[in-house]
Amino acid sequence: MEGEVNGSIATNEQRAFMAISGHRALDLLATLRDRHGNPAECLCRPADLDRWLGAMDLALPVAAVEADVRAARRLRETINDLTRALLAGQTPDAGAIRHLNDWARKPAIAPQSDTHLGLQWTADAPVNGALALIAREAIELLTGPDRALIRECAAAPACSRVYLDRSRSGRRRWCHMDWCGSRAKMASYRQRRSEADPAR
């Protein structure tokens, strides 16, 4: 079940490694949690980046190194800056656009089939290739029609997750109903009870 890990409710840190935003580039933004409060970095070590790539269906044949982690964080913040500018109706930073374009021009990983028709990713520099793929996907999102579907969770500033609203009504408010949605509904319920019975 989405939102659970091994049958138990996912922690905030575990959620950063779950594909729930509807787009890999937006899921990358979630690896820096609580952006509006006390930011918590989830890509601390190369193993964290390997874990995140695996969770995004980009498991690679080689392990990341420290330089890859720094590159992933910088790319993440570039995509975040451009996404937030889009949401706020602001002019995007030219330097951020150049940085994203530079990444998108790098050789990306290519899908390959193993002998059992299983998916493998390959490139001369696999981790850089994975980041290049994410940069290309980010450009396609930010320049295409789906950019109109980008939302920030209505629980902000408590939650800073950004996602694609592909709901039929186009009125999805929460990054995840079991997390922010349930908390908000419970808070609203308690507020209504308190107003109905001030003695509480």
N, C-alpha and C. Protein backbone atom coordinates (compact mmCIF):
# COMPACT_ATOMS: atom_id res chain seq x y z
N MET A 1 0.85 -1.20 0.00
CA MET A 1 0.00 0.00 0.00
C MET A 1 0.88 1.24 0.00
N GLU A 2 0.53 2.22 -0.84
CA GLU A 2 1.31 3.44 -0.91
C GLU A 2 1.24 4.15 0.44
N GLY A 3 2.38 4.60 0.90
CA GLY A 3 2.41 5.28 2.19
C GLY A 3 2.81 4.37 3.33
N GLU A 4 3.00 3.08 3.03
CA GLU A 4 3.41 2.14 4.05
C GLU A 4 4.72 1.49 3.63
N VAL A 5 5.50 1.08 4.61
CA VAL A 5 6.75 0.37 4.37
C VAL A 5 6.73 -0.88 5.23
N ASN A 6 6.75 -2.05 4.56
CA ASN A 6 6.70 -3.33 5.27
C ASN A 6 5.51 -3.40 6.22
N GLY A 7 4.37 -2.87 5.78
CA GLY A 7 3.15 -2.97 6.57
C GLY A 7 2.99 -1.92 7.65
N SER A 8 3.98 -1.04 7.84
CA SER A 8 3.87 0.00 8.85
C SER A 8 3.87 1.36 8.18
N ILE A 9 3.37 2.36 8.89
CA ILE A 9 3.29 3.70 8.33
C ILE A 9 4.70 4.24 8.08
N ALA A 10 4.90 4.82 6.90
CA ALA A 10 6.22 5.34 6.54
C ALA A 10 6.57 6.56 7.37
N THR A 11 7.84 6.66 7.75
CA THR A 11 8.31 7.85 8.45
C THR A 11 8.51 8.97 7.43
N ASN A 12 8.69 10.19 7.94
CA ASN A 12 8.93 11.32 7.04
C ASN A 12 10.15 11.09 6.18
N GLU A 13 11.20 10.50 6.76
CA GLU A 13 12.43 10.25 6.01
C GLU A 13 12.18 9.20 4.94
N GLN A 14 11.43 8.17 5.24
CA GLN A 14 11.14 7.13 4.26
C GLN A 14 10.30 7.68 3.11
N ARG A 15 9.42 8.62 3.40
CA ARG A 15 8.56 9.19 2.37
C ARG A 15 9.36 9.92 1.30
N ALA A 16 10.53 10.43 1.67
CA ALA A 16 11.38 11.13 0.71
C ALA A 16 11.89 10.20 -0.37
N PHE A 17 11.80 8.90 -0.12
CA PHE A 17 12.30 7.90 -1.07
C PHE A 17 11.15 7.14 -1.72
N MET A 18 9.97 7.75 -1.73
CA MET A 18 8.80 7.12 -2.34
C MET A 18 8.32 7.95 -3.52
N ALA A 19 7.98 7.27 -4.60
CA ALA A 19 7.53 7.96 -5.81
C ALA A 19 6.03 8.25 -5.69
N ILE A 20 5.70 9.44 -5.17
CA ILE A 20 4.29 9.78 -4.99
C ILE A 20 3.91 11.11 -5.64
N SER A 21 4.88 11.82 -6.20
CA SER A 21 4.60 13.14 -6.75
C SER A 21 4.08 13.09 -8.19
N GLY A 22 4.16 11.93 -8.80
CA GLY A 22 3.69 11.80 -10.18
C GLY A 22 4.72 12.16 -11.23
N HIS A 23 5.93 12.46 -10.78
CA HIS A 23 6.99 12.83 -11.72
C HIS A 23 8.32 12.72 -10.98
N ARG A 24 9.32 12.11 -11.65
CA ARG A 24 10.61 11.91 -10.98
C ARG A 24 11.26 13.20 -10.55
N ALA A 25 11.19 14.23 -11.39
CA ALA A 25 11.84 15.50 -11.02
C ALA A 25 11.20 16.10 -9.77
N LEU A 26 9.89 15.97 -9.63
CA LEU A 26 9.22 16.49 -8.44
C LEU A 26 9.51 15.62 -7.22
N ASP A 27 9.64 14.32 -7.43
CA ASP A 27 10.02 13.44 -6.31
C ASP A 27 11.43 13.77 -5.82
N LEU A 28 12.30 14.20 -6.73
CA LEU A 28 13.65 14.59 -6.31
C LEU A 28 13.59 15.76 -5.34
N LEU A 29 12.67 16.70 -5.55
CA LEU A 29 12.56 17.86 -4.66
C LEU A 29 12.26 17.44 -3.24
N ALA A 30 11.56 16.32 -3.08
CA ALA A 30 11.15 15.87 -1.74
C ALA A 30 12.30 15.29 -0.93
N THR A 31 13.48 15.16 -1.53
CA THR A 31 14.62 14.65 -0.76
C THR A 31 15.23 15.72 0.14
N LEU A 32 14.73 16.95 0.05
CA LEU A 32 15.01 17.96 1.08
C LEU A 32 13.66 18.24 1.73
N ARG A 33 13.45 17.67 2.90
CA ARG A 33 12.16 17.77 3.57
C ARG A 33 12.02 19.07 4.35
N ASP A 34 10.79 19.45 4.60
CA ASP A 34 10.45 20.59 5.46
C ASP A 34 11.16 21.86 5.00
N ARG A 35 11.01 22.17 3.74
CA ARG A 35 11.67 23.35 3.17
C ARG A 35 11.22 24.65 3.82
N HIS A 36 10.00 24.69 4.32
CA HIS A 36 9.47 25.93 4.89
C HIS A 36 9.75 26.06 6.38
N GLY A 37 10.32 25.04 6.96
CA GLY A 37 10.58 25.08 8.40
C GLY A 37 12.04 24.85 8.73
N ASN A 38 12.36 23.62 9.07
CA ASN A 38 13.74 23.22 9.37
C ASN A 38 14.16 22.18 8.34
N PRO A 39 14.72 22.62 7.22
CA PRO A 39 15.05 21.69 6.14
C PRO A 39 15.90 20.51 6.61
N ALA A 40 15.51 19.32 6.15
CA ALA A 40 16.22 18.09 6.52
C ALA A 40 16.68 17.40 5.25
N GLU A 41 17.99 17.25 5.13
CA GLU A 41 18.59 16.64 3.93
C GLU A 41 18.47 15.12 4.00
N CYS A 42 17.96 14.52 2.91
CA CYS A 42 17.84 13.07 2.84
C CYS A 42 18.90 12.45 1.93
N LEU A 43 19.54 13.26 1.10
CA LEU A 43 20.65 12.76 0.27
C LEU A 43 21.96 13.13 0.96
N CYS A 44 22.28 12.38 2.00
CA CYS A 44 23.46 12.69 2.81
C CYS A 44 24.70 11.92 2.34
N ARG A 45 24.50 10.72 1.85
CA ARG A 45 25.60 9.84 1.47
C ARG A 45 25.35 9.25 0.09
N PRO A 46 26.39 8.74 -0.56
CA PRO A 46 26.18 8.10 -1.87
C PRO A 46 25.13 7.00 -1.82
N ALA A 47 25.09 6.24 -0.73
CA ALA A 47 24.10 5.17 -0.62
C ALA A 47 22.67 5.72 -0.64
N ASP A 48 22.48 6.95 -0.14
CA ASP A 48 21.16 7.57 -0.18
C ASP A 48 20.73 7.85 -1.62
N LEU A 49 21.68 8.33 -2.43
CA LEU A 49 21.36 8.60 -3.83
C LEU A 49 21.08 7.30 -4.57
N ASP A 50 21.86 6.26 -4.28
CA ASP A 50 21.60 4.95 -4.90
C ASP A 50 20.20 4.47 -4.54
N ARG A 51 19.84 4.63 -3.27
CA ARG A 51 18.51 4.21 -2.81
C ARG A 51 17.41 4.99 -3.51
N TRP A 52 17.60 6.30 -3.64
CA TRP A 52 16.57 7.12 -4.28
C TRP A 52 16.42 6.74 -5.75
N LEU A 53 17.53 6.57 -6.45
CA LEU A 53 17.47 6.19 -7.86
C LEU A 53 16.75 4.85 -8.02
N GLY A 54 17.03 3.92 -7.13
CA GLY A 54 16.35 2.63 -7.18
C GLY A 54 14.85 2.77 -6.98
N ALA A 55 14.46 3.64 -6.05
CA ALA A 55 13.03 3.87 -5.78
C ALA A 55 12.34 4.52 -6.96
N MET A 56 13.10 5.21 -7.81
CA MET A 56 12.54 5.87 -8.98
C MET A 56 12.67 5.00 -10.24
N ASP A 57 12.90 3.71 -10.05
CA ASP A 57 13.06 2.77 -11.17
C ASP A 57 14.27 3.11 -12.03
N LEU A 58 15.32 3.63 -11.38
CA LEU A 58 16.57 3.95 -12.09
C LEU A 58 17.75 3.27 -11.41
N ALA A 59 17.55 2.05 -10.96
CA ALA A 59 18.65 1.31 -10.32
C ALA A 59 19.80 1.14 -11.32
N LEU A 60 21.01 1.43 -10.86
CA LEU A 60 22.17 1.47 -11.75
C LEU A 60 23.16 0.36 -11.42
N PRO A 61 24.02 -0.01 -12.39
CA PRO A 61 25.00 -1.08 -12.16
C PRO A 61 26.21 -0.62 -11.36
N VAL A 62 26.33 0.67 -11.09
CA VAL A 62 27.47 1.18 -10.31
C VAL A 62 26.93 2.04 -9.18
N ALA A 63 27.74 2.19 -8.14
CA ALA A 63 27.34 2.98 -6.97
C ALA A 63 27.73 4.44 -7.17
N ALA A 64 26.94 5.31 -6.57
CA ALA A 64 27.25 6.74 -6.60
C ALA A 64 28.46 7.03 -5.72
N VAL A 65 29.07 8.20 -5.94
CA VAL A 65 30.17 8.68 -5.11
C VAL A 65 29.79 10.06 -4.57
N GLU A 66 30.63 10.60 -3.71
CA GLU A 66 30.31 11.89 -3.07
C GLU A 66 30.04 13.00 -4.08
N ALA A 67 30.81 13.03 -5.16
CA ALA A 67 30.61 14.08 -6.16
C ALA A 67 29.23 13.96 -6.80
N ASP A 68 28.73 12.74 -6.94
CA ASP A 68 27.40 12.55 -7.50
C ASP A 68 26.33 13.10 -6.56
N VAL A 69 26.53 12.93 -5.27
CA VAL A 69 25.56 13.44 -4.29
C VAL A 69 25.51 14.97 -4.37
N ARG A 70 26.67 15.60 -4.44
CA ARG A 70 26.69 17.07 -4.54
C ARG A 70 26.01 17.53 -5.82
N ALA A 71 26.26 16.81 -6.92
CA ALA A 71 25.64 17.17 -8.20
C ALA A 71 24.13 17.00 -8.14
N ALA A 72 23.67 15.92 -7.51
CA ALA A 72 22.23 15.66 -7.41
C ALA A 72 21.55 16.73 -6.57
N ARG A 73 22.19 17.13 -5.48
CA ARG A 73 21.61 18.19 -4.64
C ARG A 73 21.50 19.50 -5.41
N ARG A 74 22.55 19.84 -6.15
CA ARG A 74 22.51 21.10 -6.89
C ARG A 74 21.45 21.06 -7.98
N LEU A 75 21.37 19.94 -8.69
CA LEU A 75 20.33 19.80 -9.71
C LEU A 75 18.95 19.89 -9.07
N ARG A 76 18.78 19.25 -7.93
CA ARG A 76 17.50 19.31 -7.22
C ARG A 76 17.10 20.74 -6.90
N GLU A 77 18.04 21.51 -6.38
CA GLU A 77 17.72 22.89 -6.00
C GLU A 77 17.47 23.77 -7.22
N THR A 78 18.12 23.45 -8.32
CA THR A 78 17.85 24.17 -9.57
C THR A 78 16.41 23.91 -10.03
N ILE A 79 16.01 22.64 -10.02
CA ILE A 79 14.64 22.29 -10.41
C ILE A 79 13.65 22.89 -9.43
N ASN A 80 13.99 22.89 -8.15
CA ASN A 80 13.11 23.48 -7.14
C ASN A 80 12.92 24.98 -7.39
N ASP A 81 14.01 25.68 -7.64
CA ASP A 81 13.91 27.13 -7.88
C ASP A 81 13.01 27.44 -9.07
N LEU A 82 13.17 26.67 -10.15
CA LEU A 82 12.37 26.91 -11.34
C LEU A 82 10.90 26.53 -11.12
N THR A 83 10.68 25.46 -10.38
CA THR A 83 9.31 25.03 -10.10
C THR A 83 8.59 26.04 -9.22
N ARG A 84 9.29 26.52 -8.18
CA ARG A 84 8.67 27.51 -7.28
C ARG A 84 8.40 28.83 -8.01
N ALA A 85 9.29 29.21 -8.91
CA ALA A 85 9.06 30.43 -9.69
C ALA A 85 7.82 30.27 -10.56
N LEU A 86 7.67 29.08 -11.16
CA LEU A 86 6.50 28.81 -11.97
C LEU A 86 5.23 28.90 -11.14
N LEU A 87 5.23 28.28 -9.95
CA LEU A 87 4.05 28.29 -9.09
C LEU A 87 3.70 29.71 -8.63
N ALA A 88 4.73 30.53 -8.44
CA ALA A 88 4.50 31.90 -7.95
C ALA A 88 4.26 32.90 -9.08
N GLY A 89 4.33 32.43 -10.32
CA GLY A 89 4.15 33.34 -11.46
C GLY A 89 5.29 34.31 -11.62
N GLN A 90 6.48 33.91 -11.19
CA GLN A 90 7.66 34.77 -11.25
C GLN A 90 8.53 34.41 -12.45
N THR A 91 9.38 35.34 -12.84
CA THR A 91 10.33 35.09 -13.93
C THR A 91 11.40 34.14 -13.43
N PRO A 92 11.64 33.02 -14.13
CA PRO A 92 12.65 32.06 -13.68
C PRO A 92 14.05 32.63 -13.78
N ASP A 93 14.91 32.17 -12.89
CA ASP A 93 16.29 32.63 -12.85
C ASP A 93 17.05 32.09 -14.06
N ALA A 94 17.73 32.99 -14.77
CA ALA A 94 18.45 32.59 -15.99
C ALA A 94 19.57 31.61 -15.69
N GLY A 95 20.25 31.80 -14.56
CA GLY A 95 21.33 30.88 -14.19
C GLY A 95 20.81 29.49 -13.93
N ALA A 96 19.64 29.39 -13.30
CA ALA A 96 19.04 28.09 -13.03
C ALA A 96 18.67 27.40 -14.35
N ILE A 97 18.15 28.17 -15.28
CA ILE A 97 17.80 27.60 -16.59
C ILE A 97 19.05 27.08 -17.29
N ARG A 98 20.13 27.86 -17.24
CA ARG A 98 21.38 27.41 -17.88
C ARG A 98 21.88 26.12 -17.24
N HIS A 99 21.82 26.05 -15.93
CA HIS A 99 22.30 24.85 -15.23
C HIS A 99 21.48 23.63 -15.62
N LEU A 100 20.16 23.79 -15.66
CA LEU A 100 19.30 22.67 -16.06
C LEU A 100 19.56 22.27 -17.50
N ASN A 101 19.71 23.24 -18.38
CA ASN A 101 20.00 22.93 -19.78
C ASN A 101 21.34 22.22 -19.94
N ASP A 102 22.34 22.65 -19.17
CA ASP A 102 23.64 21.99 -19.22
C ASP A 102 23.51 20.50 -18.87
N TRP A 103 22.75 20.21 -17.82
CA TRP A 103 22.55 18.81 -17.43
C TRP A 103 21.79 18.05 -18.51
N ALA A 104 20.80 18.67 -19.09
CA ALA A 104 19.99 17.98 -20.10
C ALA A 104 20.79 17.64 -21.35
N ARG A 105 21.88 18.37 -21.62
CA ARG A 105 22.71 18.10 -22.79
C ARG A 105 23.69 16.96 -22.55
N LYS A 106 23.88 16.55 -21.31
CA LYS A 106 24.80 15.46 -21.02
C LYS A 106 24.22 14.13 -21.52
N PRO A 107 25.07 13.16 -21.83
CA PRO A 107 24.56 11.84 -22.26
C PRO A 107 23.73 11.20 -21.15
N ALA A 108 22.52 10.83 -21.48
CA ALA A 108 21.62 10.22 -20.50
C ALA A 108 21.76 8.70 -20.52
N ILE A 109 21.32 8.07 -19.45
CA ILE A 109 21.30 6.61 -19.43
C ILE A 109 20.32 6.10 -20.48
N ALA A 110 20.60 4.92 -21.00
CA ALA A 110 19.74 4.32 -22.02
C ALA A 110 19.17 3.01 -21.49
N PRO A 111 17.91 2.73 -21.81
CA PRO A 111 17.33 1.45 -21.37
C PRO A 111 17.85 0.31 -22.22
N GLN A 112 18.13 -0.80 -21.58
CA GLN A 112 18.59 -2.01 -22.25
C GLN A 112 17.82 -3.19 -21.66
N SER A 113 17.74 -4.26 -22.43
CA SER A 113 17.11 -5.49 -21.95
C SER A 113 18.16 -6.52 -21.60
N ASP A 114 17.97 -7.20 -20.46
CA ASP A 114 18.85 -8.32 -20.16
C ASP A 114 18.32 -9.57 -20.88
N THR A 115 18.93 -10.71 -20.63
CA THR A 115 18.56 -11.92 -21.35
C THR A 115 17.17 -12.44 -20.99
N HIS A 116 16.59 -11.90 -19.92
CA HIS A 116 15.24 -12.32 -19.51
C HIS A 116 14.21 -11.20 -19.72
N LEU A 117 14.55 -10.25 -20.60
CA LEU A 117 13.69 -9.09 -20.87
C LEU A 117 13.46 -8.26 -19.61
N GLY A 118 14.47 -8.19 -18.78
CA GLY A 118 14.44 -7.30 -17.63
C GLY A 118 15.12 -6.00 -17.99
N LEU A 119 14.63 -4.90 -17.41
CA LEU A 119 15.17 -3.59 -17.74
C LEU A 119 16.48 -3.33 -17.02
N GLN A 120 17.45 -2.83 -17.78
CA GLN A 120 18.71 -2.36 -17.22
C GLN A 120 19.00 -0.99 -17.81
N TRP A 121 19.73 -0.18 -17.04
CA TRP A 121 20.13 1.14 -17.52
C TRP A 121 21.63 1.15 -17.75
N THR A 122 22.05 1.77 -18.83
CA THR A 122 23.48 1.80 -19.13
C THR A 122 23.90 3.18 -19.62
N ALA A 123 25.16 3.51 -19.36
CA ALA A 123 25.78 4.75 -19.83
C ALA A 123 27.25 4.68 -19.46
N ASP A 124 28.07 5.51 -20.10
CA ASP A 124 29.48 5.55 -19.75
C ASP A 124 29.66 6.03 -18.31
N ALA A 125 28.83 6.98 -17.91
CA ALA A 125 28.84 7.49 -16.53
C ALA A 125 27.40 7.36 -16.03
N PRO A 126 27.03 6.20 -15.48
CA PRO A 126 25.62 5.93 -15.18
C PRO A 126 24.93 6.92 -14.25
N VAL A 127 25.59 7.34 -13.17
CA VAL A 127 24.90 8.25 -12.24
C VAL A 127 24.68 9.60 -12.91
N ASN A 128 25.71 10.12 -13.57
CA ASN A 128 25.53 11.37 -14.32
C ASN A 128 24.45 11.20 -15.39
N GLY A 129 24.42 10.03 -16.00
CA GLY A 129 23.41 9.77 -17.02
C GLY A 129 22.01 9.77 -16.46
N ALA A 130 21.85 9.27 -15.23
CA ALA A 130 20.54 9.27 -14.58
C ALA A 130 20.11 10.70 -14.25
N LEU A 131 21.04 11.50 -13.77
CA LEU A 131 20.73 12.90 -13.48
C LEU A 131 20.41 13.67 -14.75
N ALA A 132 21.10 13.34 -15.84
CA ALA A 132 20.80 13.98 -17.13
C ALA A 132 19.39 13.63 -17.58
N LEU A 133 18.98 12.38 -17.37
CA LEU A 133 17.63 11.97 -17.72
C LEU A 133 16.60 12.75 -16.92
N ILE A 134 16.86 12.91 -15.62
CA ILE A 134 15.93 13.66 -14.77
C ILE A 134 15.87 15.12 -15.21
N ALA A 135 17.02 15.69 -15.59
CA ALA A 135 17.02 17.07 -16.08
C ALA A 135 16.18 17.20 -17.34
N ARG A 136 16.29 16.24 -18.25
CA ARG A 136 15.48 16.28 -19.47
C ARG A 136 13.99 16.17 -19.14
N GLU A 137 13.67 15.28 -18.21
CA GLU A 137 12.27 15.12 -17.80
C GLU A 137 11.75 16.40 -17.14
N ALA A 138 12.62 17.06 -16.37
CA ALA A 138 12.22 18.31 -15.73
C ALA A 138 11.92 19.38 -16.77
N ILE A 139 12.77 19.48 -17.79
CA ILE A 139 12.53 20.46 -18.86
C ILE A 139 11.24 20.17 -19.59
N GLU A 140 10.99 18.89 -19.89
CA GLU A 140 9.75 18.53 -20.57
C GLU A 140 8.54 18.90 -19.72
N LEU A 141 8.66 18.73 -18.40
CA LEU A 141 7.55 19.08 -17.51
C LEU A 141 7.35 20.59 -17.45
N LEU A 142 8.43 21.32 -17.19
CA LEU A 142 8.33 22.76 -16.96
C LEU A 142 8.01 23.56 -18.22
N THR A 143 8.25 22.98 -19.39
CA THR A 143 7.97 23.68 -20.64
C THR A 143 6.72 23.15 -21.34
N GLY A 144 6.13 22.10 -20.80
CA GLY A 144 5.00 21.46 -21.46
C GLY A 144 3.67 21.71 -20.79
N PRO A 145 2.61 21.12 -21.31
CA PRO A 145 1.26 21.36 -20.78
C PRO A 145 1.06 20.87 -19.35
N ASP A 146 1.83 19.86 -18.93
CA ASP A 146 1.64 19.32 -17.58
C ASP A 146 2.09 20.28 -16.49
N ARG A 147 2.78 21.34 -16.86
CA ARG A 147 3.20 22.29 -15.82
C ARG A 147 2.00 22.95 -15.16
N ALA A 148 0.87 22.98 -15.87
CA ALA A 148 -0.36 23.54 -15.28
C ALA A 148 -0.93 22.64 -14.20
N LEU A 149 -0.42 21.41 -14.09
CA LEU A 149 -0.91 20.46 -13.09
C LEU A 149 -0.06 20.45 -11.82
N ILE A 150 1.01 21.24 -11.79
CA ILE A 150 1.90 21.23 -10.63
C ILE A 150 1.23 21.96 -9.47
N ARG A 151 1.24 21.32 -8.31
CA ARG A 151 0.66 21.89 -7.10
C ARG A 151 1.62 21.69 -5.94
N GLU A 152 1.49 22.57 -4.93
CA GLU A 152 2.15 22.32 -3.66
C GLU A 152 1.09 21.83 -2.68
N CYS A 153 1.46 20.91 -1.82
CA CYS A 153 0.54 20.35 -0.85
C CYS A 153 -0.14 21.47 -0.05
N ALA A 154 -1.46 21.33 0.13
CA ALA A 154 -2.23 22.33 0.86
C ALA A 154 -1.85 22.40 2.33
N ALA A 155 -1.06 21.43 2.80
CA ALA A 155 -0.62 21.46 4.19
C ALA A 155 0.56 22.40 4.40
N ALA A 156 1.06 23.03 3.33
CA ALA A 156 2.16 23.98 3.47
C ALA A 156 1.76 25.08 4.45
N PRO A 157 2.67 25.55 5.29
CA PRO A 157 4.11 25.28 5.31
C PRO A 157 4.54 24.02 6.04
N ALA A 158 3.60 23.28 6.64
CA ALA A 158 4.00 22.06 7.35
C ALA A 158 4.55 21.02 6.38
N CYS A 159 4.08 21.02 5.15
CA CYS A 159 4.57 20.11 4.12
C CYS A 159 4.98 20.95 2.92
N SER A 160 6.11 20.61 2.32
CA SER A 160 6.58 21.37 1.17
C SER A 160 6.62 20.53 -0.10
N ARG A 161 5.93 19.40 -0.07
CA ARG A 161 5.96 18.51 -1.24
C ARG A 161 5.18 19.11 -2.40
N VAL A 162 5.73 18.94 -3.60
CA VAL A 162 5.11 19.40 -4.84
C VAL A 162 4.75 18.15 -5.65
N TYR A 163 3.61 18.20 -6.34
CA TYR A 163 3.14 17.01 -7.06
C TYR A 163 2.35 17.43 -8.29
N LEU A 164 2.05 16.45 -9.14
CA LEU A 164 1.18 16.66 -10.29
C LEU A 164 -0.24 16.26 -9.92
N ASP A 165 -1.18 17.15 -10.14
CA ASP A 165 -2.58 16.86 -9.86
C ASP A 165 -3.22 16.28 -11.11
N ARG A 166 -3.29 14.97 -11.17
CA ARG A 166 -3.93 14.29 -12.30
C ARG A 166 -5.32 13.76 -11.91
N SER A 167 -5.86 14.28 -10.82
CA SER A 167 -7.19 13.85 -10.41
C SER A 167 -8.22 14.26 -11.46
N ARG A 168 -9.31 13.51 -11.54
CA ARG A 168 -10.33 13.79 -12.54
C ARG A 168 -10.91 15.19 -12.37
N SER A 169 -11.10 15.59 -11.12
CA SER A 169 -11.69 16.90 -10.86
C SER A 169 -10.69 18.04 -10.96
N GLY A 170 -9.39 17.70 -10.89
CA GLY A 170 -8.37 18.74 -10.88
C GLY A 170 -8.35 19.52 -9.59
N ARG A 171 -8.83 18.90 -8.50
CA ARG A 171 -8.93 19.62 -7.22
C ARG A 171 -8.21 18.88 -6.10
N ARG A 172 -7.23 18.08 -6.45
CA ARG A 172 -6.45 17.40 -5.42
C ARG A 172 -5.71 18.43 -4.59
N ARG A 173 -5.77 18.30 -3.26
CA ARG A 173 -5.18 19.29 -2.37
C ARG A 173 -3.93 18.78 -1.65
N TRP A 174 -3.84 17.48 -1.46
CA TRP A 174 -2.79 16.95 -0.59
C TRP A 174 -1.78 16.13 -1.38
N CYS A 175 -0.55 16.14 -0.92
CA CYS A 175 0.47 15.30 -1.55
C CYS A 175 0.11 13.83 -1.40
N HIS A 176 -0.50 13.50 -0.25
CA HIS A 176 -0.89 12.12 0.04
C HIS A 176 -2.03 12.16 1.05
N MET A 177 -3.14 11.56 0.70
CA MET A 177 -4.32 11.65 1.56
C MET A 177 -4.07 11.01 2.93
N ASP A 178 -3.31 9.91 2.96
CA ASP A 178 -3.08 9.21 4.23
C ASP A 178 -2.16 10.00 5.16
N TRP A 179 -1.43 10.98 4.62
CA TRP A 179 -0.52 11.75 5.45
C TRP A 179 -1.12 13.12 5.73
N CYS A 180 -0.89 14.03 4.85
CA CYS A 180 -1.34 15.41 5.08
C CYS A 180 -2.85 15.54 5.06
N GLY A 181 -3.52 14.83 4.18
CA GLY A 181 -4.97 14.92 4.11
C GLY A 181 -5.64 14.46 5.39
N SER A 182 -5.21 13.33 5.91
CA SER A 182 -5.81 12.81 7.14
C SER A 182 -5.55 13.73 8.32
N ARG A 183 -4.34 14.26 8.41
CA ARG A 183 -4.01 15.17 9.51
C ARG A 183 -4.87 16.43 9.44
N ALA A 184 -5.04 16.95 8.24
CA ALA A 184 -5.84 18.17 8.09
C ALA A 184 -7.31 17.91 8.43
N LYS A 185 -7.83 16.79 8.00
CA LYS A 185 -9.23 16.47 8.30
C LYS A 185 -9.43 16.27 9.80
N MET A 186 -8.46 15.64 10.45
CA MET A 186 -8.56 15.44 11.90
C MET A 186 -8.50 16.78 12.62
N ALA A 187 -7.62 17.67 12.18
CA ALA A 187 -7.51 18.98 12.81
C ALA A 187 -8.80 19.77 12.62
N SER A 188 -9.40 19.67 11.43
CA SER A 188 -10.65 20.37 11.16
C SER A 188 -11.77 19.81 12.03
N TYR A 189 -11.78 18.49 12.20
CA TYR A 189 -12.80 17.85 13.04
C TYR A 189 -12.67 18.30 14.48
N ARG A 190 -11.46 18.35 14.99
CA ARG A 190 -11.25 18.78 16.37
C ARG A 190 -11.65 20.25 16.55
N GLN A 191 -11.35 21.06 15.54
CA GLN A 191 -11.72 22.47 15.60
C GLN A 191 -13.23 22.64 15.67
N ARG A 192 -13.94 21.88 14.84
CA ARG A 192 -15.40 21.96 14.84
C ARG A 192 -15.98 21.51 16.18
N ARG A 193 -15.42 20.45 16.74
CA ARG A 193 -15.90 19.98 18.05
C ARG A 193 -15.65 21.01 19.14
N SER A 194 -14.48 21.63 19.06
CA SER A 194 -14.13 22.65 20.06
C SER A 194 -15.07 23.85 19.97
N GLU A 195 -15.39 24.25 18.74
CA GLU A 195 -16.29 25.39 18.56
C GLU A 195 -17.71 25.05 18.99
N ALA A 196 -18.13 23.78 18.79
CA ALA A 196 -19.46 23.37 19.18
C ALA A 196 -19.60 23.21 20.68
N ASP A 197 -18.48 22.88 21.34
CA ASP A 197 -18.50 22.65 22.79
C ASP A 197 -17.29 23.33 23.39
N PRO A 198 -17.34 24.65 23.65
CA PRO A 198 -16.19 25.38 24.17
C PRO A 198 -15.62 24.79 25.45
N ALA A 199 -16.41 24.03 26.19
CA ALA A 199 -15.92 23.43 27.43
C ALA A 199 -14.82 22.43 27.17
N ARG A 200 -14.75 21.92 25.94
CA ARG A 200 -13.69 20.97 25.62
C ARG A 200 -12.34 21.64 25.60
